[in-house]
Amino acid sequence: MHELSIVMEVVKQVEKLAQEHHVTKVKSVTVEVGEVSGVVKDYFLDAFDWMCKKNELMKDCELNYITIQAISYCQDCKKTYPTTKYAKECPYCHSNHTYLVSGRDFMIKEIKVI
């Protein structure tokens, strides 16, 4: 379960920013998680909730979890398509000359503070 280590890094980054800006309470954190990033949403939510309960700065923090769709690009027909629905083969021309253009990343998008 690598979700716990990801949550620990998110909390570490939030704490660092809070300290730099003299923040005493974090109201919410918004993360964008790629559909094929390997993060299991339910595990991430549970780990985030557990970590917030142990952290005074984030005790009542709300998590906004945004899933970014995985999109692939076909080099032959120059079209994009949803990766998780069709995998590596292009649904338009059936080429395997494709690559992922979005949906693999993880990013802290926004932190709201009091």
Protein backbone atom coordinates (compact mmCIF):
# COMPACT_ATOMS: atom_id res chain seq x y z
CA MET A 1 0.00 0.00 0.00
CA HIS A 2 2.08 2.91 -1.27
CA GLU A 3 -0.86 5.27 -0.77
CA LEU A 4 0.22 5.82 2.84
CA SER A 5 3.67 7.00 1.76
CA ILE A 6 2.08 9.34 -0.81
CA VAL A 7 -0.25 10.76 1.85
CA MET A 8 2.71 11.20 4.19
CA GLU A 9 4.49 13.23 1.50
CA VAL A 10 1.37 15.34 0.88
CA VAL A 11 1.09 16.10 4.61
CA LYS A 12 4.82 16.91 4.74
CA GLN A 13 4.46 19.37 1.85
CA VAL A 14 1.36 20.97 3.40
CA GLU A 15 3.15 21.34 6.75
CA LYS A 16 6.15 22.92 5.04
CA LEU A 17 3.99 25.46 3.20
CA ALA A 18 1.97 26.18 6.33
CA GLN A 19 5.12 26.88 8.30
CA GLU A 20 6.54 29.13 5.57
CA HIS A 21 3.31 31.18 5.49
CA HIS A 22 2.57 31.11 9.24
CA VAL A 23 -0.65 29.14 8.81
CA THR A 24 -2.19 27.49 11.86
CA LYS A 25 -5.06 25.55 10.27
CA VAL A 26 -5.56 23.86 6.91
CA LYS A 27 -9.19 23.76 5.82
CA SER A 28 -8.88 21.65 2.65
CA VAL A 29 -6.44 20.05 0.26
CA THR A 30 -7.23 19.37 -3.40
CA VAL A 31 -5.25 16.71 -5.23
CA GLU A 32 -5.35 15.70 -8.88
CA VAL A 33 -4.65 12.03 -9.40
CA GLY A 34 -4.17 10.41 -12.79
CA GLU A 35 -6.45 7.53 -13.66
CA VAL A 36 -3.45 5.28 -14.36
CA SER A 37 -1.14 6.68 -11.65
CA GLY A 38 -1.38 3.50 -9.62
CA VAL A 39 -3.05 5.23 -6.67
CA VAL A 40 -6.03 3.34 -5.26
CA LYS A 41 -8.53 6.03 -4.33
CA ASP A 42 -10.16 4.25 -1.37
CA TYR A 43 -6.77 3.46 0.19
CA PHE A 44 -5.63 7.05 -0.36
CA LEU A 45 -8.81 8.45 1.25
CA ASP A 46 -8.44 6.16 4.27
CA ALA A 47 -4.76 7.01 4.72
CA PHE A 48 -5.45 10.75 4.38
CA ASP A 49 -8.22 10.58 6.97
CA TRP A 50 -5.98 8.64 9.35
CA MET A 51 -3.08 11.09 8.95
CA CYS A 52 -5.30 14.16 9.45
CA LYS A 53 -6.65 12.80 12.73
CA LYS A 54 -3.06 12.63 14.00
CA ASN A 55 -2.10 16.12 12.84
CA GLU A 56 -3.31 19.24 14.68
CA LEU A 57 -2.72 21.47 11.64
CA MET A 58 -4.98 19.27 9.47
CA LYS A 59 -7.34 17.81 12.07
CA ASP A 60 -10.59 18.76 10.29
CA CYS A 61 -9.11 19.06 6.81
CA GLU A 62 -11.33 18.16 3.86
CA LEU A 63 -9.83 16.28 0.92
CA ASN A 64 -10.94 17.05 -2.61
CA TYR A 65 -9.82 14.15 -4.81
CA ILE A 66 -9.99 14.85 -8.54
CA THR A 67 -9.37 12.01 -10.99
CA ILE A 68 -7.64 13.04 -14.21
CA GLN A 69 -8.68 10.89 -17.17
CA ALA A 70 -5.99 8.86 -18.91
CA ILE A 71 -5.71 9.97 -22.54
CA SER A 72 -3.50 8.40 -25.20
CA TYR A 73 -2.37 9.81 -28.55
CA CYS A 74 -2.03 7.82 -31.77
CA GLN A 75 1.01 8.81 -33.83
CA ASP A 76 -0.46 7.28 -36.98
CA CYS A 77 -3.94 8.83 -37.18
CA LYS A 78 -3.16 11.80 -34.88
CA LYS A 79 -6.23 11.26 -32.65
CA THR A 80 -6.58 11.00 -28.89
CA TYR A 81 -8.68 8.45 -27.02
CA PRO A 82 -9.45 7.33 -23.44
CA THR A 83 -6.64 4.98 -22.46
CA THR A 84 -8.48 2.88 -19.91
CA LYS A 85 -11.24 2.01 -22.34
CA TYR A 86 -9.01 0.95 -25.26
CA ALA A 87 -5.55 0.36 -23.73
CA LYS A 88 -2.58 0.60 -26.08
CA GLU A 89 -4.33 -0.02 -29.41
CA CYS A 90 -5.90 2.98 -31.10
CA PRO A 91 -9.66 2.46 -31.46
CA TYR A 92 -9.71 4.46 -34.73
CA CYS A 93 -6.91 2.93 -36.82
CA HIS A 94 -5.87 -0.02 -34.61
CA SER A 95 -2.26 1.13 -34.51
CA ASN A 96 0.01 0.37 -31.56
CA HIS A 97 2.06 3.53 -32.15
CA THR A 98 0.44 5.30 -29.23
CA TYR A 99 1.57 7.00 -26.06
CA LEU A 100 0.01 8.32 -22.88
CA VAL A 101 -0.45 12.11 -22.78
CA SER A 102 -2.32 12.49 -19.48
CA GLY A 103 -3.52 10.48 -16.52
CA ARG A 104 -0.29 9.31 -14.90
CA ASP A 105 0.47 12.30 -12.67
CA PHE A 106 -0.22 13.19 -9.06
CA MET A 107 -0.33 16.81 -7.97
CA ILE A 108 -1.38 18.92 -5.01
CA LYS A 109 -3.56 21.45 -6.80
CA GLU A 110 -4.81 23.65 -3.97
CA ILE A 111 -4.54 24.16 -0.24
CA LYS A 112 -7.13 26.27 1.59
CA VAL A 113 -6.24 27.66 4.97
CA ILE A 114 -7.89 29.61 7.75
